[in-house]
């Protein structure tokens, strides 16, 4: 064999190896990212990589953006992106820049409009529970009061994706456990910083709520978001464990630290009318997890679409849209933040069932659907950059202000 023939043979051998490696890389995304469609991984930070690829959905081609986060890497963590108050909104890029996140996606569905209640302003507050840095921010609204598509059978507005203090991600359900106590007796608390309270209940609003009007909390019913606002309401303000004021209608404005505003509707209003200025009142609240005793450092609402490697029964397989979701892999040791592109050529999107399948193909055992459509946004921060970049194209042509999101942070 001549030297030239040896060089050609060596070149063919290298090409064979590279082709084999490419085939394996494509197989790792089988069904979700056909071989040749992926554009490679970009390292954002230790334990964090970004990739994008095409998906052929039932309604047409779409394009996915994914942030992979290794939670076993002590240099990275997940946390809640939010504007500092529950009843407020901001774009994902602004939230990420303000909180110095390495990247992130939009989060829970939220109270976006109030066309059915003239004169009542939308609060911007999210549907489900929320925990930030171990602090409980809010609980879930009644199922009939949620915004967003119909929930799959067996799911609830109390469902969350969370990361515990053990640095493991998991799907769970967080239920409000709270009470209001006076010298005359005690009764259960029906809500915490929620834009909608159960009929006949009393809800607590704290400084975490913000300055938005609390009237919306008394509108609609447990089964009908558009039902009229209650005409039987009452509000009590408690500061340092004492009643300082009362009112016949819910108010607005910032709530000071150390102050809790109790809002009652129907039977709850009747309970609060018995309170008097100067009376001793103790308000207690916490969120109780259904699957773990490990405290949550972070939790956000949405709904499950994949459990133990199996799509939930009855997932919608007809309505395709731009969507955002999260996959949990390796026993909660890593997560996949997944957002579709809203550019015109990709706007057909995926059905909820297809999202579950795509995340399973990417290795997820559990998956959780978040708000989509014009809210779907994925951002990353390049090394040395002062601001994040929006990686996908929001379907509305610009970022939509949202209630919250999932942020990727450098630990410490």
Protein backbone atom coordinates (compact mmCIF):
# COMPACT_ATOMS: atom_id res chain seq x y z
CA UNK A 1 0.00 0.00 0.00
CA UNK A 2 1.36 3.44 -0.94
CA UNK A 3 1.57 6.34 1.51
CA UNK A 4 -1.32 8.02 -0.35
CA UNK A 5 -3.45 4.87 0.00
CA UNK A 6 -2.59 4.67 3.72
CA UNK A 7 -3.69 8.29 4.23
CA UNK A 8 -6.99 7.67 2.37
CA UNK A 9 -7.65 4.51 4.40
CA UNK A 10 -6.98 6.38 7.66
CA UNK A 11 -9.31 9.17 6.56
CA UNK A 12 -12.08 6.71 5.79
CA UNK A 13 -11.65 5.15 9.24
CA UNK A 14 -11.97 8.54 10.97
CA UNK A 15 -15.08 9.34 8.90
CA UNK A 16 -16.61 6.00 9.93
CA UNK A 17 -16.05 6.80 13.63
CA UNK A 18 -17.50 10.32 13.30
CA UNK A 19 -20.52 8.96 11.45
CA UNK A 20 -21.09 6.39 14.19
CA UNK A 21 -20.85 9.06 16.88
CA UNK A 22 -23.31 11.24 14.98
CA UNK A 23 -25.73 8.35 14.70
CA UNK A 24 -25.53 7.73 18.46
CA UNK A 25 -26.10 11.41 19.18
CA UNK A 26 -29.15 11.39 16.95
CA UNK A 27 -30.46 8.23 18.60
CA UNK A 28 -30.30 9.92 22.00
CA UNK A 29 -33.02 12.27 20.75
CA UNK A 30 -34.97 9.68 18.79
CA UNK A 31 -38.52 10.82 18.13
CA UNK A 32 -37.90 14.28 19.56
CA UNK A 33 -34.88 15.41 17.55
CA UNK A 34 -34.15 13.42 14.39
CA UNK A 35 -30.48 12.91 13.55
CA UNK A 36 -29.17 15.99 11.78
CA UNK A 37 -31.86 18.28 13.21
CA UNK A 38 -30.06 19.08 16.46
CA UNK A 39 -27.74 22.06 16.43
CA UNK A 40 -25.38 20.87 19.16
CA UNK A 41 -25.04 21.62 22.85
CA UNK A 42 -23.86 24.99 24.14
CA UNK A 43 -22.38 25.10 27.64
CA UNK A 44 -23.99 27.97 29.56
CA UNK A 45 -22.29 27.29 32.89
CA UNK A 46 -21.06 24.28 34.89
CA UNK A 47 -23.93 21.81 34.92
CA UNK A 48 -26.03 23.81 32.43
CA UNK A 49 -26.25 23.22 28.67
CA UNK A 50 -28.52 24.56 25.95
CA UNK A 51 -29.62 22.87 22.74
CA UNK A 52 -32.22 23.41 20.01
CA UNK A 53 -33.68 21.02 17.48
CA UNK A 54 -36.60 20.39 15.13
CA UNK A 55 -39.63 18.24 15.97
CA UNK A 56 -42.15 17.01 13.45
CA UNK A 57 -45.52 17.33 15.17
CA UNK A 58 -48.89 16.09 13.97
CA UNK A 59 -49.82 19.63 12.87
CA UNK A 60 -46.50 20.44 11.23
CA UNK A 61 -42.85 21.15 12.04
CA UNK A 62 -41.89 22.94 15.20
CA UNK A 63 -38.65 23.86 16.93
CA UNK A 64 -37.66 23.13 20.53
CA UNK A 65 -35.26 24.89 22.89
CA UNK A 66 -33.99 22.97 25.92
CA UNK A 67 -31.91 23.91 28.97
CA UNK A 68 -30.45 20.85 30.71
CA UNK A 69 -29.62 21.39 34.38
CA UNK A 70 -27.56 18.93 36.43
CA UNK A 71 -28.78 19.35 40.01
CA UNK A 72 -25.96 17.14 41.33
CA UNK A 73 -23.54 19.94 40.41
CA UNK A 74 -23.18 22.04 43.55
CA UNK A 75 -22.48 25.10 41.42
CA UNK A 76 -26.02 25.33 40.06
CA UNK A 77 -29.58 25.43 41.42
CA UNK A 78 -33.16 26.11 40.34
CA UNK A 79 -35.29 28.87 41.84
CA UNK A 80 -38.45 30.88 41.31
CA UNK A 81 -38.35 33.84 38.97
CA UNK A 82 -40.97 36.37 40.07
CA UNK A 83 -41.38 40.15 40.28
CA UNK A 84 -41.03 40.31 44.08
CA UNK A 85 -44.80 40.26 44.65
CA UNK A 86 -47.43 37.65 43.87
CA UNK A 87 -49.83 40.08 42.19
CA UNK A 88 -47.42 41.44 39.58
CA UNK A 89 -45.98 40.53 36.17
CA UNK A 90 -42.76 41.00 34.22
CA UNK A 91 -41.09 39.45 31.18
CA UNK A 92 -38.89 36.40 31.68
CA UNK A 93 -35.82 38.30 30.46
CA UNK A 94 -36.43 41.10 32.95
CA UNK A 95 -37.00 38.65 35.80
CA UNK A 96 -33.82 36.75 34.88
CA UNK A 97 -31.75 39.94 34.62
CA UNK A 98 -33.11 41.36 37.89
CA UNK A 99 -32.36 38.13 39.75
CA UNK A 100 -29.08 37.47 37.89
CA UNK A 101 -30.21 34.10 36.57
CA UNK A 102 -28.13 32.09 34.12
CA UNK A 103 -31.28 31.18 32.22
CA UNK A 104 -34.88 30.21 32.63
CA UNK A 105 -38.37 29.72 31.25
CA UNK A 106 -41.83 31.11 31.94
CA UNK A 107 -43.92 29.42 34.60
CA UNK A 108 -47.45 28.94 35.86
CA UNK A 109 -50.74 30.01 34.28
CA UNK A 110 -52.04 33.27 35.75
CA UNK A 111 -54.96 35.70 36.15
CA UNK A 112 -54.43 37.45 32.82
CA UNK A 113 -57.82 39.11 32.15
CA UNK A 114 -61.19 39.94 33.76
CA UNK A 115 -63.55 40.58 30.85
CA UNK A 116 -66.35 38.78 32.71
CA UNK A 117 -66.14 41.11 35.71
CA UNK A 118 -66.49 44.75 34.55
CA UNK A 119 -64.58 47.16 36.74
CA UNK A 120 -62.44 44.41 38.28
CA UNK A 121 -58.77 44.44 37.36
CA UNK A 122 -56.77 41.28 36.66
CA UNK A 123 -54.21 40.73 39.41
CA UNK A 124 -51.54 38.94 37.38
CA UNK A 125 -51.23 36.39 40.19
CA UNK A 126 -50.49 32.75 39.36
CA UNK A 127 -52.92 29.85 39.65
CA UNK A 128 -50.97 27.36 41.75
CA UNK A 129 -48.81 27.33 44.87
CA UNK A 130 -45.44 29.10 44.84
CA UNK A 131 -42.36 28.84 47.04
CA UNK A 132 -39.25 31.00 46.63
CA UNK A 133 -36.03 30.43 48.58
CA UNK A 134 -37.98 28.29 51.05
CA UNK A 135 -40.61 31.01 51.66
CA UNK A 136 -44.25 30.17 51.00
CA UNK A 137 -45.65 32.89 48.76
CA UNK A 138 -49.14 31.61 47.97
CA UNK A 139 -51.53 28.68 47.76
CA UNK A 140 -53.71 27.42 44.89
CA UNK A 141 -57.02 28.84 43.65
CA UNK A 142 -60.06 26.52 43.32
CA UNK A 143 -59.95 24.32 40.22
CA UNK A 144 -62.89 26.09 38.56
CA UNK A 145 -61.14 29.46 38.92
CA UNK A 146 -57.98 28.60 37.00
CA UNK A 147 -56.88 30.15 33.72
CA UNK A 148 -55.53 27.85 31.01
CA UNK A 149 -56.63 24.65 29.24
CA UNK A 150 -58.65 21.95 30.96
CA UNK A 151 -56.67 19.93 33.48
CA UNK A 152 -56.01 16.24 32.77
CA UNK A 153 -58.05 13.80 34.84
CA UNK A 154 -56.70 13.32 38.33
CA UNK A 155 -54.70 16.55 38.42
CA UNK A 156 -55.28 19.65 40.52
CA UNK A 157 -54.40 23.32 40.81
CA UNK A 158 -52.36 22.22 43.85
CA UNK A 159 -49.91 20.22 41.70
CA UNK A 160 -46.35 21.57 41.61
CA UNK A 161 -42.89 20.98 40.30
CA UNK A 162 -40.49 21.51 43.18
CA UNK A 163 -36.88 21.17 44.21
CA UNK A 164 -36.30 20.18 47.82
CA UNK A 165 -33.52 21.09 50.17
CA UNK A 166 -32.04 17.76 49.09
CA UNK A 167 -31.47 19.28 45.61
CA UNK A 168 -33.83 16.75 44.02
CA UNK A 169 -36.63 17.75 41.65
CA UNK A 170 -40.01 16.04 41.99
CA UNK A 171 -43.68 16.39 41.15
CA UNK A 172 -45.86 16.91 44.19
CA UNK A 173 -49.07 18.43 45.49
CA UNK A 174 -49.06 21.28 48.03
CA UNK A 175 -52.16 21.83 50.15
CA UNK A 176 -52.82 24.85 52.35
CA UNK A 177 -52.98 24.11 56.07
CA UNK A 178 -53.96 27.25 57.96
CA UNK A 179 -56.18 28.65 60.67
CA UNK A 180 -57.47 31.87 62.17
CA UNK A 181 -57.67 31.88 65.98
CA UNK A 182 -59.31 34.32 68.41
CA UNK A 183 -60.16 33.97 72.14
CA UNK A 184 -63.65 32.88 70.99
CA UNK A 185 -62.50 30.04 68.78
CA UNK A 186 -60.71 28.90 65.64
CA UNK A 187 -61.62 28.22 62.00
CA UNK A 188 -59.78 27.03 58.91
CA UNK A 189 -58.08 29.42 56.53
CA UNK A 190 -59.37 29.06 52.96
CA UNK A 191 -56.67 30.84 50.98
CA UNK A 192 -53.29 32.54 51.01
CA UNK A 193 -52.41 35.36 48.59
CA UNK A 194 -54.83 33.99 45.98
CA UNK A 195 -56.69 35.86 43.26
CA UNK A 196 -59.72 33.63 43.96
CA UNK A 197 -61.02 32.31 47.28
CA UNK A 198 -63.34 29.32 47.80
CA UNK A 199 -66.98 30.29 48.29
CA UNK A 200 -67.78 30.86 51.98
CA UNK A 201 -64.13 31.08 53.07
CA UNK A 202 -61.66 33.50 54.63
CA UNK A 203 -58.34 34.14 52.90
CA UNK A 204 -55.16 35.76 54.18
CA UNK A 205 -53.17 38.38 52.26
CA UNK A 206 -49.66 39.33 53.38
CA UNK A 207 -46.91 41.68 52.25
CA UNK A 208 -46.02 39.06 49.61
CA UNK A 209 -49.27 39.83 47.77
CA UNK A 210 -48.40 43.34 46.61
CA UNK A 211 -50.67 46.35 46.11
CA UNK A 212 -53.29 44.94 43.69
CA UNK A 213 -56.96 45.12 44.68
CA UNK A 214 -58.23 42.18 46.70
CA UNK A 215 -61.75 42.43 45.19
CA UNK A 216 -60.98 39.76 42.56
CA UNK A 217 -60.61 37.21 45.36
CA UNK A 218 -64.37 37.40 45.98
CA UNK A 219 -65.44 37.00 42.31
CA UNK A 220 -66.55 33.80 40.59
CA UNK A 221 -67.33 30.50 42.29
CA UNK A 222 -65.44 27.27 42.87
CA UNK A 223 -66.86 25.88 39.63
CA UNK A 224 -67.36 29.00 37.51
CA UNK A 225 -64.64 31.61 37.08
CA UNK A 226 -67.04 33.97 35.32
CA UNK A 227 -69.77 34.00 37.99
CA UNK A 228 -70.55 37.45 39.46
CA UNK A 229 -68.55 38.86 42.34
CA UNK A 230 -69.96 38.21 45.79
CA UNK A 231 -72.09 40.93 47.36
CA UNK A 232 -71.42 39.58 50.85
CA UNK A 233 -67.82 40.45 51.75
CA UNK A 234 -65.84 41.76 54.70
CA UNK A 235 -62.19 42.59 55.43
CA UNK A 236 -60.21 42.68 58.67
CA UNK A 237 -56.67 44.03 59.03
CA UNK A 238 -54.49 42.42 61.70
CA UNK A 239 -51.17 43.96 62.77
CA UNK A 240 -48.89 42.38 65.36
CA UNK A 241 -51.66 40.00 66.39
CA UNK A 242 -54.39 42.63 66.90
CA UNK A 243 -57.31 43.83 64.78
CA UNK A 244 -56.56 47.40 63.71
CA UNK A 245 -59.35 48.03 61.19
CA UNK A 246 -62.35 46.53 59.39
CA UNK A 247 -64.14 47.26 56.10
CA UNK A 248 -67.23 46.08 54.25
CA UNK A 249 -65.38 45.57 50.96
CA UNK A 250 -61.89 44.29 50.09
CA UNK A 251 -59.33 47.02 49.63
CA UNK A 252 -56.05 47.54 47.82
CA UNK A 253 -52.58 48.93 48.43
CA UNK A 254 -49.36 47.56 49.84
CA UNK A 255 -49.53 45.45 53.00
CA UNK A 256 -46.86 46.20 55.58
CA UNK A 257 -44.61 43.54 57.04
CA UNK A 258 -46.17 42.11 60.18
CA UNK A 259 -49.68 42.79 58.87
CA UNK A 260 -52.20 40.29 57.53
CA UNK A 261 -55.42 41.28 55.77
CA UNK A 262 -58.23 38.75 56.13
CA UNK A 263 -60.84 38.77 53.34
CA UNK A 264 -64.08 36.86 53.77
CA UNK A 265 -66.89 36.04 51.38
CA UNK A 266 -70.39 34.75 52.27
CA UNK A 267 -70.05 32.59 55.41
CA UNK A 268 -66.45 33.80 55.75
CA UNK A 269 -67.62 37.42 55.73
CA UNK A 270 -70.14 36.63 58.43
CA UNK A 271 -67.38 35.19 60.61
CA UNK A 272 -65.20 38.28 60.17
CA UNK A 273 -68.04 40.67 61.08
CA UNK A 274 -67.79 39.34 64.63
CA UNK A 275 -64.22 40.64 64.96
CA UNK A 276 -63.66 43.96 66.76
CA UNK A 277 -60.82 46.47 66.91
CA UNK A 278 -58.18 45.49 69.42
CA UNK A 279 -59.16 41.81 69.45
CA UNK A 280 -56.35 39.26 69.56
CA UNK A 281 -56.06 37.27 66.31
CA UNK A 282 -53.50 34.69 65.32
CA UNK A 283 -53.19 33.61 61.68
CA UNK A 284 -51.22 30.48 60.87
CA UNK A 285 -50.47 29.04 57.42
CA UNK A 286 -48.19 26.55 55.70
CA UNK A 287 -48.18 24.32 52.61
CA UNK A 288 -48.20 20.57 53.20
CA UNK A 289 -46.62 18.24 50.61
CA UNK A 290 -48.28 14.96 49.71
CA UNK A 291 -45.20 12.93 48.71
CA UNK A 292 -42.24 14.03 50.83
CA UNK A 293 -41.25 15.40 54.21
CA UNK A 294 -38.27 17.19 52.66
CA UNK A 295 -38.85 20.97 52.72
CA UNK A 296 -39.09 22.68 49.35
CA UNK A 297 -36.61 25.39 48.45
CA UNK A 298 -38.58 26.14 45.31
CA UNK A 299 -41.98 25.17 43.88
CA UNK A 300 -44.18 26.34 41.02
CA UNK A 301 -47.65 25.46 39.75
CA UNK A 302 -48.75 23.84 36.49
CA UNK A 303 -49.89 20.28 35.83
CA UNK A 304 -48.30 16.83 35.32
CA UNK A 305 -48.29 15.19 31.88
CA UNK A 306 -45.87 12.31 32.50
CA UNK A 307 -45.45 10.12 35.60
CA UNK A 308 -43.04 7.22 36.04
CA UNK A 309 -42.36 7.22 32.31
CA UNK A 310 -46.03 7.02 31.30
CA UNK A 311 -48.15 9.87 29.85
CA UNK A 312 -51.18 10.66 31.97
CA UNK A 313 -54.37 9.10 30.57
CA UNK A 314 -56.57 11.35 28.49
CA UNK A 315 -53.94 13.97 27.56
CA UNK A 316 -55.20 16.21 24.76
CA UNK A 317 -53.93 14.99 21.39
CA UNK A 318 -55.80 17.40 19.10
CA UNK A 319 -55.07 21.02 20.08
CA UNK A 320 -51.51 21.97 19.12
CA UNK A 321 -49.85 25.14 20.45
CA UNK A 322 -46.55 26.69 21.41
CA UNK A 323 -45.81 25.24 24.86
CA UNK A 324 -43.42 25.28 27.81
CA UNK A 325 -42.78 22.25 30.03
CA UNK A 326 -40.23 20.67 32.38
CA UNK A 327 -38.85 17.14 32.31
CA UNK A 328 -37.41 15.42 35.38
CA UNK A 329 -34.69 12.83 34.74
CA UNK A 330 -32.35 10.58 36.69
CA UNK A 331 -34.47 10.36 39.81
CA UNK A 332 -34.76 14.12 40.12
CA UNK A 333 -31.04 14.70 39.73
CA UNK A 334 -31.48 16.71 36.54
CA UNK A 335 -34.19 18.66 34.77
CA UNK A 336 -34.97 19.71 31.21
CA UNK A 337 -36.49 23.17 30.71
CA UNK A 338 -38.35 22.86 27.41
CA UNK A 339 -39.90 25.66 25.34
CA UNK A 340 -41.17 25.66 21.76
CA UNK A 341 -40.48 28.38 19.23
CA UNK A 342 -43.26 30.78 18.27
CA UNK A 343 -41.81 31.90 14.93
CA UNK A 344 -44.43 31.74 12.11
CA UNK A 345 -42.85 28.70 10.45
CA UNK A 346 -43.03 26.73 13.73
CA UNK A 347 -46.18 28.14 15.32
CA UNK A 348 -48.26 24.99 14.79
CA UNK A 349 -46.58 23.68 17.94
CA UNK A 350 -47.37 20.41 19.71
CA UNK A 351 -50.31 18.88 21.51
CA UNK A 352 -50.00 18.23 25.24
CA UNK A 353 -49.71 14.51 24.48
CA UNK A 354 -46.86 15.23 22.04
CA UNK A 355 -45.05 17.32 24.67
CA UNK A 356 -45.20 14.38 27.08
CA UNK A 357 -43.82 12.07 24.37
CA UNK A 358 -41.06 14.52 23.40
CA UNK A 359 -39.84 14.86 26.98
CA UNK A 360 -39.96 11.09 27.48
CA UNK A 361 -37.85 10.69 24.34
CA UNK A 362 -35.35 13.12 25.85
CA UNK A 363 -35.04 10.90 28.92
CA UNK A 364 -37.64 12.40 31.26
CA UNK A 365 -39.46 10.05 33.63
CA UNK A 366 -41.79 12.77 34.92
CA UNK A 367 -42.90 15.92 33.12
CA UNK A 368 -44.86 19.03 34.04
CA UNK A 369 -46.69 21.40 31.71
CA UNK A 370 -46.47 25.17 32.20
CA UNK A 371 -48.17 28.16 30.58
CA UNK A 372 -47.74 28.35 26.80
CA UNK A 373 -48.81 30.36 23.79
CA UNK A 374 -47.61 33.94 23.99
CA UNK A 375 -46.06 33.24 27.40
CA UNK A 376 -43.59 30.60 26.17
CA UNK A 377 -40.10 32.04 26.58
CA UNK A 378 -36.64 30.54 27.16
CA UNK A 379 -33.64 32.73 27.98
CA UNK A 380 -29.94 32.13 28.60
CA UNK A 381 -27.00 34.29 29.64
CA UNK A 382 -23.81 33.96 27.63
CA UNK A 383 -20.50 33.98 29.49
CA UNK A 384 -19.58 37.54 30.43
CA UNK A 385 -22.89 39.01 29.19
CA UNK A 386 -24.67 41.57 31.32
CA UNK A 387 -28.13 40.52 30.16
CA UNK A 388 -29.85 37.34 29.02
CA UNK A 389 -30.85 36.57 25.44
CA UNK A 390 -34.25 35.25 24.42
CA UNK A 391 -33.54 31.99 22.58
CA UNK A 392 -36.96 31.25 21.15
CA UNK A 393 -39.32 33.58 19.27
CA UNK A 394 -42.35 34.46 21.46
CA UNK A 395 -45.47 33.79 19.40
CA UNK A 396 -46.89 37.26 20.05
CA UNK A 397 -43.88 38.91 18.44
CA UNK A 398 -42.56 40.14 21.80
CA UNK A 399 -42.21 38.79 25.33
CA UNK A 400 -45.40 38.66 27.38
CA UNK A 401 -45.16 39.77 31.03
CA UNK A 402 -45.80 36.69 33.19
CA UNK A 403 -46.45 35.94 36.84
CA UNK A 404 -43.41 33.77 37.44
CA UNK A 405 -40.92 31.36 35.93
CA UNK A 406 -38.20 28.85 36.64
CA UNK A 407 -34.72 30.32 36.93
CA UNK A 408 -31.34 28.61 36.70
CA UNK A 409 -28.86 30.16 39.13
CA UNK A 410 -25.23 29.86 40.09
CA UNK A 411 -25.35 28.53 43.65
CA UNK A 412 -24.35 31.13 46.18
